[in-house]
């Protein structure tokens, strides 16, 4: 069982407040489940069709906010990768 840093759990809960399965997986230290959930949530973060619609509507502010959300979520997945990598080196 992996003990995640408290700040990681705090950031995940703030970014994904309604993803109870993710919260439980972190609390229980289920690293494969956490990685799978974070990756799947990150992979469909910005739909190309939505991007085109927003650009066509000249709604770049919304597009920008969505892109920033994608970057935050990607950073969370990358942080998970670092945590897992550091764990592997310490064993």
Protein backbone atom coordinates (compact mmCIF):
# COMPACT_ATOMS: atom_id res chain seq x y z
CA UNK A 1 0.00 0.00 0.00
CA UNK A 2 1.34 3.38 -1.01
CA UNK A 3 0.96 6.35 1.34
CA UNK A 4 0.42 9.39 -0.85
CA UNK A 5 1.61 12.82 0.33
CA UNK A 6 -1.17 14.82 2.00
CA UNK A 7 -0.75 17.71 -0.43
CA UNK A 8 -1.29 15.34 -3.39
CA UNK A 9 -4.62 14.19 -1.96
CA UNK A 10 -5.63 17.81 -1.27
CA UNK A 11 -4.87 18.91 -4.83
CA UNK A 12 -6.68 15.89 -6.31
CA UNK A 13 -9.78 16.54 -4.20
CA UNK A 14 -9.79 20.19 -5.26
CA UNK A 15 -9.38 19.32 -8.96
CA UNK A 16 -11.81 16.37 -8.92
CA UNK A 17 -14.23 17.06 -6.06
CA UNK A 18 -16.85 14.53 -7.17
CA UNK A 19 -14.58 11.62 -8.10
CA UNK A 20 -15.09 9.51 -4.98
CA UNK A 21 -13.52 6.40 -6.52
CA UNK A 22 -10.33 8.37 -7.11
CA UNK A 23 -10.35 9.75 -3.56
CA UNK A 24 -10.85 6.25 -2.14
CA UNK A 25 -8.10 4.77 -4.31
CA UNK A 26 -5.64 7.39 -3.07
CA UNK A 27 -6.67 6.91 0.55
CA UNK A 28 -6.31 3.14 0.20
CA UNK A 29 -2.96 3.44 -1.59
CA UNK A 30 -4.09 1.63 -4.74
CA UNK A 31 -1.48 3.02 -7.10
CA UNK A 32 -2.61 1.27 -10.30
CA UNK A 33 -6.20 2.42 -9.82
CA UNK A 34 -5.08 5.99 -9.09
CA UNK A 35 -2.90 6.09 -12.20
CA UNK A 36 -5.61 4.61 -14.42
CA UNK A 37 -8.25 7.05 -13.21
CA UNK A 38 -5.98 10.10 -13.52
CA UNK A 39 -4.87 9.04 -16.99
CA UNK A 40 -8.41 8.45 -18.22
CA UNK A 41 -9.64 11.76 -16.80
CA UNK A 42 -6.73 13.54 -18.46
CA UNK A 43 -7.08 11.84 -21.85
CA UNK A 44 -10.50 13.26 -22.71
CA UNK A 45 -10.04 16.66 -21.13
CA UNK A 46 -10.33 18.85 -24.23
CA UNK A 47 -12.47 17.61 -27.08
CA UNK A 48 -11.30 18.81 -30.53
CA UNK A 49 -14.89 19.39 -31.68
CA UNK A 50 -15.49 21.63 -28.68
CA UNK A 51 -12.28 23.50 -29.44
CA UNK A 52 -13.42 24.17 -33.02
CA UNK A 53 -16.86 25.29 -31.83
CA UNK A 54 -15.32 27.70 -29.33
CA UNK A 55 -12.88 29.09 -31.89
CA UNK A 56 -15.64 29.52 -34.47
CA UNK A 57 -17.72 31.36 -31.86
CA UNK A 58 -14.70 33.50 -31.00
CA UNK A 59 -15.03 32.28 -27.41
CA UNK A 60 -11.34 32.10 -26.66
CA UNK A 61 -11.77 32.87 -22.95
CA UNK A 62 -13.62 29.59 -22.39
CA UNK A 63 -11.11 27.75 -24.56
CA UNK A 64 -8.27 29.23 -22.53
CA UNK A 65 -9.88 28.17 -19.21
CA UNK A 66 -10.38 24.64 -20.53
CA UNK A 67 -6.76 24.49 -21.70
CA UNK A 68 -5.54 25.65 -18.28
CA UNK A 69 -7.65 22.94 -16.64
CA UNK A 70 -6.06 20.38 -18.97
CA UNK A 71 -2.59 21.57 -18.00
CA UNK A 72 -3.40 21.30 -14.28
CA UNK A 73 -4.78 17.81 -14.73
CA UNK A 74 -1.80 16.73 -16.80
CA UNK A 75 0.47 18.03 -14.04
CA UNK A 76 -1.43 15.92 -11.51
CA UNK A 77 -0.88 12.79 -13.58
CA UNK A 78 2.80 13.69 -13.96
CA UNK A 79 3.03 14.17 -10.18
CA UNK A 80 1.53 10.70 -9.72
CA UNK A 81 4.19 9.32 -12.08
CA UNK A 82 6.92 10.99 -10.01
CA UNK A 83 5.50 9.57 -6.77
CA UNK A 84 5.41 6.07 -8.25
CA UNK A 85 8.90 6.43 -9.70
CA UNK A 86 10.33 7.63 -6.38
CA UNK A 87 8.67 4.70 -4.62
CA UNK A 88 10.27 2.25 -7.03
CA UNK A 89 13.72 3.73 -6.41
CA UNK A 90 13.35 3.55 -2.65
CA UNK A 91 12.41 -0.14 -2.56
